[in-house]
Amino acid sequence: MKNSIPEKRKKLGLTQEALAGKCGVSRQTIIAIEQGRFNPSLPLAFLLTRALRARKVEEVFDG
């Protein structure tokens, strides 16, 4: 699944480790999601959206 996590994360000054901590997952999970190798569950997608200060999941994930 294509996403804009790296761009949004860097814009907020968050490391992968910091984002992982906010969402309760490992850094490896964040890496896999950013690279499109792992599709997050809907609850995790909402957590990521909130942590990245986006208003809608669609602002972070594209299909």
PDB file of N, CA and C in Angstrom:
ATOM      1  N   MET A   1       0.841  -1.170   0.000  1.00  0.00           N
ATOM      2  CA  MET A   1       0.000   0.000   0.000  1.00  0.00           C
ATOM      3  C   MET A   1       0.893   1.242   0.000  1.00  0.00           C
ATOM      4  N   LYS A   2       0.618   2.121  -0.921  1.00  0.00           N
ATOM      5  CA  LYS A   2       1.390   3.358  -1.012  1.00  0.00           C
ATOM      6  C   LYS A   2       1.017   4.272   0.153  1.00  0.00           C
ATOM      7  N   ASN A   3       2.030   4.974   0.692  1.00  0.00           N
ATOM      8  CA  ASN A   3       1.760   5.864   1.814  1.00  0.00           C
ATOM      9  C   ASN A   3       2.725   7.047   1.808  1.00  0.00           C
ATOM     10  N   SER A   4       2.369   8.047   2.589  1.00  0.00           N
ATOM     11  CA  SER A   4       3.205   9.250   2.705  1.00  0.00           C
ATOM     12  C   SER A   4       3.806   9.367   4.104  1.00  0.00           C
ATOM     13  N   ILE A   5       3.952   8.243   4.781  1.00  0.00           N
ATOM     14  CA  ILE A   5       4.464   8.260   6.155  1.00  0.00           C
ATOM     15  C   ILE A   5       5.858   8.881   6.248  1.00  0.00           C
ATOM     16  N   PRO A   6       6.826   8.473   5.416  1.00  0.00           N
ATOM     17  CA  PRO A   6       8.168   9.058   5.580  1.00  0.00           C
ATOM     18  C   PRO A   6       8.174  10.584   5.473  1.00  0.00           C
ATOM     19  N   GLU A   7       7.448  11.111   4.496  1.00  0.00           N
ATOM     20  CA  GLU A   7       7.420  12.559   4.301  1.00  0.00           C
ATOM     21  C   GLU A   7       6.775  13.268   5.487  1.00  0.00           C
ATOM     22  N   LYS A   8       5.626  12.759   5.913  1.00  0.00           N
ATOM     23  CA  LYS A   8       4.920  13.386   7.031  1.00  0.00           C
ATOM     24  C   LYS A   8       5.714  13.246   8.329  1.00  0.00           C
ATOM     25  N   ARG A   9       6.327  12.098   8.534  1.00  0.00           N
ATOM     26  CA  ARG A   9       7.123  11.848   9.739  1.00  0.00           C
ATOM     27  C   ARG A   9       8.303  12.813   9.804  1.00  0.00           C
ATOM     28  N   LYS A  10       9.020  12.954   8.693  1.00  0.00           N
ATOM     29  CA  LYS A  10      10.183  13.846   8.656  1.00  0.00           C
ATOM     30  C   LYS A  10       9.773  15.306   8.824  1.00  0.00           C
ATOM     31  N   LYS A  11       8.633  15.677   8.248  1.00  0.00           N
ATOM     32  CA  LYS A  11       8.139  17.049   8.373  1.00  0.00           C
ATOM     33  C   LYS A  11       7.869  17.402   9.837  1.00  0.00           C
ATOM     34  N   LEU A  12       7.443  16.405  10.610  1.00  0.00           N
ATOM     35  CA  LEU A  12       7.178  16.611  12.037  1.00  0.00           C
ATOM     36  C   LEU A  12       8.424  16.430  12.896  1.00  0.00           C
ATOM     37  N   GLY A  13       9.528  16.045  12.266  1.00  0.00           N
ATOM     38  CA  GLY A  13      10.768  15.834  13.008  1.00  0.00           C
ATOM     39  C   GLY A  13      10.775  14.558  13.829  1.00  0.00           C
ATOM     40  N   LEU A  14       9.980  13.583  13.419  1.00  0.00           N
ATOM     41  CA  LEU A  14       9.902  12.313  14.142  1.00  0.00           C
ATOM     42  C   LEU A  14      10.833  11.277  13.519  1.00  0.00           C
ATOM     43  N   THR A  15      11.493  10.520  14.354  1.00  0.00           N
ATOM     44  CA  THR A  15      12.265   9.373  13.870  1.00  0.00           C
ATOM     45  C   THR A  15      11.312   8.192  13.738  1.00  0.00           C
ATOM     46  N   GLN A  16      11.778   7.159  13.060  1.00  0.00           N
ATOM     47  CA  GLN A  16      10.972   5.941  12.971  1.00  0.00           C
ATOM     48  C   GLN A  16      10.724   5.380  14.366  1.00  0.00           C
ATOM     49  N   GLU A  17      11.739   5.446  15.211  1.00  0.00           N
ATOM     50  CA  GLU A  17      11.619   4.944  16.588  1.00  0.00           C
ATOM     51  C   GLU A  17      10.567   5.734  17.368  1.00  0.00           C
ATOM     52  N   ALA A  18      10.569   7.053  17.221  1.00  0.00           N
ATOM     53  CA  ALA A  18       9.598   7.894  17.930  1.00  0.00           C
ATOM     54  C   ALA A  18       8.177   7.610  17.452  1.00  0.00           C
ATOM     55  N   LEU A  19       7.998   7.482  16.145  1.00  0.00           N
ATOM     56  CA  LEU A  19       6.677   7.173  15.604  1.00  0.00           C
ATOM     57  C   LEU A  19       6.215   5.804  16.087  1.00  0.00           C
ATOM     58  N   ALA A  20       7.117   4.850  16.092  1.00  0.00           N
ATOM     59  CA  ALA A  20       6.785   3.510  16.579  1.00  0.00           C
ATOM     60  C   ALA A  20       6.323   3.572  18.031  1.00  0.00           C
ATOM     61  N   GLY A  21       7.018   4.350  18.846  1.00  0.00           N
ATOM     62  CA  GLY A  21       6.645   4.492  20.250  1.00  0.00           C
ATOM     63  C   GLY A  21       5.266   5.091  20.434  1.00  0.00           C
ATOM     64  N   LYS A  22       4.932   6.080  19.617  1.00  0.00           N
ATOM     65  CA  LYS A  22       3.616   6.712  19.701  1.00  0.00           C
ATOM     66  C   LYS A  22       2.498   5.744  19.332  1.00  0.00           C
ATOM     67  N   CYS A  23       2.833   4.762  18.493  1.00  0.00           N
ATOM     68  CA  CYS A  23       1.820   3.827  18.000  1.00  0.00           C
ATOM     69  C   CYS A  23       1.879   2.460  18.671  1.00  0.00           C
ATOM     70  N   GLY A  24       2.855   2.254  19.528  1.00  0.00           N
ATOM     71  CA  GLY A  24       2.949   0.981  20.234  1.00  0.00           C
ATOM     72  C   GLY A  24       3.392  -0.188  19.382  1.00  0.00           C
ATOM     73  N   VAL A  25       4.223   0.104  18.375  1.00  0.00           N
ATOM     74  CA  VAL A  25       4.759  -0.957  17.514  1.00  0.00           C
ATOM     75  C   VAL A  25       6.283  -0.828  17.466  1.00  0.00           C
ATOM     76  N   SER A  26       6.922  -1.770  16.811  1.00  0.00           N
ATOM     77  CA  SER A  26       8.380  -1.735  16.701  1.00  0.00           C
ATOM     78  C   SER A  26       8.817  -0.835  15.546  1.00  0.00           C
ATOM     79  N   ARG A  27      10.055  -0.419  15.601  1.00  0.00           N
ATOM     80  CA  ARG A  27      10.644   0.359  14.504  1.00  0.00           C
ATOM     81  C   ARG A  27      10.610  -0.458  13.217  1.00  0.00           C
ATOM     82  N   GLN A  28      10.822  -1.759  13.330  1.00  0.00           N
ATOM     83  CA  GLN A  28      10.803  -2.631  12.152  1.00  0.00           C
ATOM     84  C   GLN A  28       9.430  -2.615  11.476  1.00  0.00           C
ATOM     85  N   THR A  29       8.376  -2.509  12.280  1.00  0.00           N
ATOM     86  CA  THR A  29       7.028  -2.430  11.714  1.00  0.00           C
ATOM     87  C   THR A  29       6.865  -1.138  10.930  1.00  0.00           C
ATOM     88  N   ILE A  30       7.340  -0.029  11.483  1.00  0.00           N
ATOM     89  CA  ILE A  30       7.257   1.261  10.785  1.00  0.00           C
ATOM     90  C   ILE A  30       8.036   1.194   9.476  1.00  0.00           C
ATOM     91  N   ILE A  31       9.229   0.614   9.509  1.00  0.00           N
ATOM     92  CA  ILE A  31      10.036   0.478   8.292  1.00  0.00           C
ATOM     93  C   ILE A  31       9.274  -0.321   7.244  1.00  0.00           C
ATOM     94  N   ALA A  32       8.696  -1.443   7.643  1.00  0.00           N
ATOM     95  CA  ALA A  32       7.968  -2.304   6.701  1.00  0.00           C
ATOM     96  C   ALA A  32       6.764  -1.582   6.107  1.00  0.00           C
ATOM     97  N   ILE A  33       6.054  -0.811   6.921  1.00  0.00           N
ATOM     98  CA  ILE A  33       4.901  -0.056   6.420  1.00  0.00           C
ATOM     99  C   ILE A  33       5.367   1.027   5.454  1.00  0.00           C
ATOM    100  N   GLU A  34       6.412   1.767   5.831  1.00  0.00           N
ATOM    101  CA  GLU A  34       6.926   2.831   4.958  1.00  0.00           C
ATOM    102  C   GLU A  34       7.361   2.280   3.608  1.00  0.00           C
ATOM    103  N   GLN A  35       7.944   1.094   3.602  1.00  0.00           N
ATOM    104  CA  GLN A  35       8.435   0.488   2.363  1.00  0.00           C
ATOM    105  C   GLN A  35       7.345  -0.249   1.592  1.00  0.00           C
ATOM    106  N   GLY A  36       6.140  -0.307   2.142  1.00  0.00           N
ATOM    107  CA  GLY A  36       5.038  -0.977   1.466  1.00  0.00           C
ATOM    108  C   GLY A  36       5.095  -2.490   1.547  1.00  0.00           C
ATOM    109  N   ARG A  37       5.907  -3.018   2.452  1.00  0.00           N
ATOM    110  CA  ARG A  37       6.018  -4.473   2.606  1.00  0.00           C
ATOM    111  C   ARG A  37       5.003  -5.028   3.596  1.00  0.00           C
ATOM    112  N   PHE A  38       4.337  -4.151   4.345  1.00  0.00           N
ATOM    113  CA  PHE A  38       3.369  -4.570   5.359  1.00  0.00           C
ATOM    114  C   PHE A  38       2.212  -3.591   5.357  1.00  0.00           C
ATOM    115  N   ASN A  39       0.999  -4.110   5.264  1.00  0.00           N
ATOM    116  CA  ASN A  39      -0.187  -3.268   5.342  1.00  0.00           C
ATOM    117  C   ASN A  39      -0.691  -3.269   6.780  1.00  0.00           C
ATOM    118  N   PRO A  40      -0.806  -2.099   7.387  1.00  0.00           N
ATOM    119  CA  PRO A  40      -1.245  -2.050   8.781  1.00  0.00           C
ATOM    120  C   PRO A  40      -2.718  -2.405   8.920  1.00  0.00           C
ATOM    121  N   SER A  41      -3.075  -2.869  10.101  1.00  0.00           N
ATOM    122  CA  SER A  41      -4.486  -3.086  10.413  1.00  0.00           C
ATOM    123  C   SER A  41      -5.178  -1.722  10.426  1.00  0.00           C
ATOM    124  N   LEU A  42      -6.481  -1.731  10.363  1.00  0.00           N
ATOM    125  CA  LEU A  42      -7.219  -0.467  10.390  1.00  0.00           C
ATOM    126  C   LEU A  42      -6.962   0.309  11.686  1.00  0.00           C
ATOM    127  N   PRO A  43      -6.975  -0.350  12.862  1.00  0.00           N
ATOM    128  CA  PRO A  43      -6.653   0.409  14.082  1.00  0.00           C
ATOM    129  C   PRO A  43      -5.253   1.033  14.052  1.00  0.00           C
ATOM    130  N   LEU A  44      -4.271   0.308  13.523  1.00  0.00           N
ATOM    131  CA  LEU A  44      -2.918   0.862  13.434  1.00  0.00           C
ATOM    132  C   LEU A  44      -2.872   2.006  12.428  1.00  0.00           C
ATOM    133  N   ALA A  45      -3.603   1.882  11.336  1.00  0.00           N
ATOM    134  CA  ALA A  45      -3.656   2.967  10.352  1.00  0.00           C
ATOM    135  C   ALA A  45      -4.211   4.240  10.992  1.00  0.00           C
ATOM    136  N   PHE A  46      -5.236   4.094  11.844  1.00  0.00           N
ATOM    137  CA  PHE A  46      -5.790   5.257  12.542  1.00  0.00           C
ATOM    138  C   PHE A  46      -4.786   5.841  13.534  1.00  0.00           C
ATOM    139  N   LEU A  47      -4.060   4.974  14.250  1.00  0.00           N
ATOM    140  CA  LEU A  47      -3.028   5.454  15.176  1.00  0.00           C
ATOM    141  C   LEU A  47      -1.945   6.232  14.432  1.00  0.00           C
ATOM    142  N   LEU A  48      -1.503   5.700  13.304  1.00  0.00           N
ATOM    143  CA  LEU A  48      -0.484   6.377  12.504  1.00  0.00           C
ATOM    144  C   LEU A  48      -0.997   7.723  12.000  1.00  0.00           C
ATOM    145  N   THR A  49      -2.235   7.742  11.543  1.00  0.00           N
ATOM    146  CA  THR A  49      -2.836   8.982  11.052  1.00  0.00           C
ATOM    147  C   THR A  49      -2.847  10.040  12.146  1.00  0.00           C
ATOM    148  N   ARG A  50      -3.254   9.650  13.339  1.00  0.00           N
ATOM    149  CA  ARG A  50      -3.298  10.585  14.469  1.00  0.00           C
ATOM    150  C   ARG A  50      -1.891  11.043  14.854  1.00  0.00           C
ATOM    151  N   ALA A  51      -0.951  10.106  14.919  1.00  0.00           N
ATOM    152  CA  ALA A  51       0.427  10.437  15.307  1.00  0.00           C
ATOM    153  C   ALA A  51       1.079  11.384  14.305  1.00  0.00           C
ATOM    154  N   LEU A  52       0.669  11.284  13.043  1.00  0.00           N
ATOM    155  CA  LEU A  52       1.233  12.132  11.994  1.00  0.00           C
ATOM    156  C   LEU A  52       0.427  13.421  11.802  1.00  0.00           C
ATOM    157  N   ARG A  53      -0.539  13.641  12.683  1.00  0.00           N
ATOM    158  CA  ARG A  53      -1.365  14.852  12.690  1.00  0.00           C
ATOM    159  C   ARG A  53      -2.129  15.064  11.386  1.00  0.00           C
ATOM    160  N   ALA A  54      -2.533  13.973  10.781  1.00  0.00           N
ATOM    161  CA  ALA A  54      -3.362  14.056   9.580  1.00  0.00           C
ATOM    162  C   ALA A  54      -4.827  13.981  10.006  1.00  0.00           C
ATOM    163  N   ARG A  55      -5.701  14.508   9.193  1.00  0.00           N
ATOM    164  CA  ARG A  55      -7.126  14.507   9.528  1.00  0.00           C
ATOM    165  C   ARG A  55      -7.832  13.245   9.065  1.00  0.00           C
ATOM    166  N   LYS A  56      -7.359  12.675   7.959  1.00  0.00           N
ATOM    167  CA  LYS A  56      -8.003  11.491   7.392  1.00  0.00           C
ATOM    168  C   LYS A  56      -6.956  10.439   7.065  1.00  0.00           C
ATOM    169  N   VAL A  57      -7.357   9.184   7.157  1.00  0.00           N
ATOM    170  CA  VAL A  57      -6.467   8.079   6.802  1.00  0.00           C
ATOM    171  C   VAL A  57      -6.007   8.234   5.352  1.00  0.00           C
ATOM    172  N   GLU A  58      -6.889   8.752   4.500  1.00  0.00           N
ATOM    173  CA  GLU A  58      -6.573   8.912   3.084  1.00  0.00           C
ATOM    174  C   GLU A  58      -5.428   9.897   2.851  1.00  0.00           C
ATOM    175  N   GLU A  59      -5.150  10.762   3.814  1.00  0.00           N
ATOM    176  CA  GLU A  59      -4.023  11.691   3.694  1.00  0.00           C
ATOM    177  C   GLU A  59      -2.693  10.978   3.898  1.00  0.00           C
ATOM    178  N   VAL A  60      -2.740   9.800   4.523  1.00  0.00           N
ATOM    179  CA  VAL A  60      -1.529   9.045   4.822  1.00  0.00           C
ATOM    180  C   VAL A  60      -1.390   7.829   3.910  1.00  0.00           C
ATOM    181  N   PHE A  61      -2.512   7.157   3.653  1.00  0.00           N
ATOM    182  CA  PHE A  61      -2.496   5.922   2.857  1.00  0.00           C
ATOM    183  C   PHE A  61      -3.292   6.092   1.578  1.00  0.00           C
ATOM    184  N   ASP A  62      -2.764   5.519   0.500  1.00  0.00           N
ATOM    185  CA  ASP A  62      -3.435   5.584  -0.796  1.00  0.00           C
ATOM    186  C   ASP A  62      -3.605   4.172  -1.329  1.00  0.00           C
ATOM    187  N   GLY A  63      -4.791   3.636  -1.148  1.00  0.00           N
ATOM    188  CA  GLY A  63      -5.190   2.371  -1.712  1.00  0.00           C
ATOM    189  C   GLY A  63      -4.446   1.191  -1.363  1.00  0.00           C
TER     190      GLY A  63
END
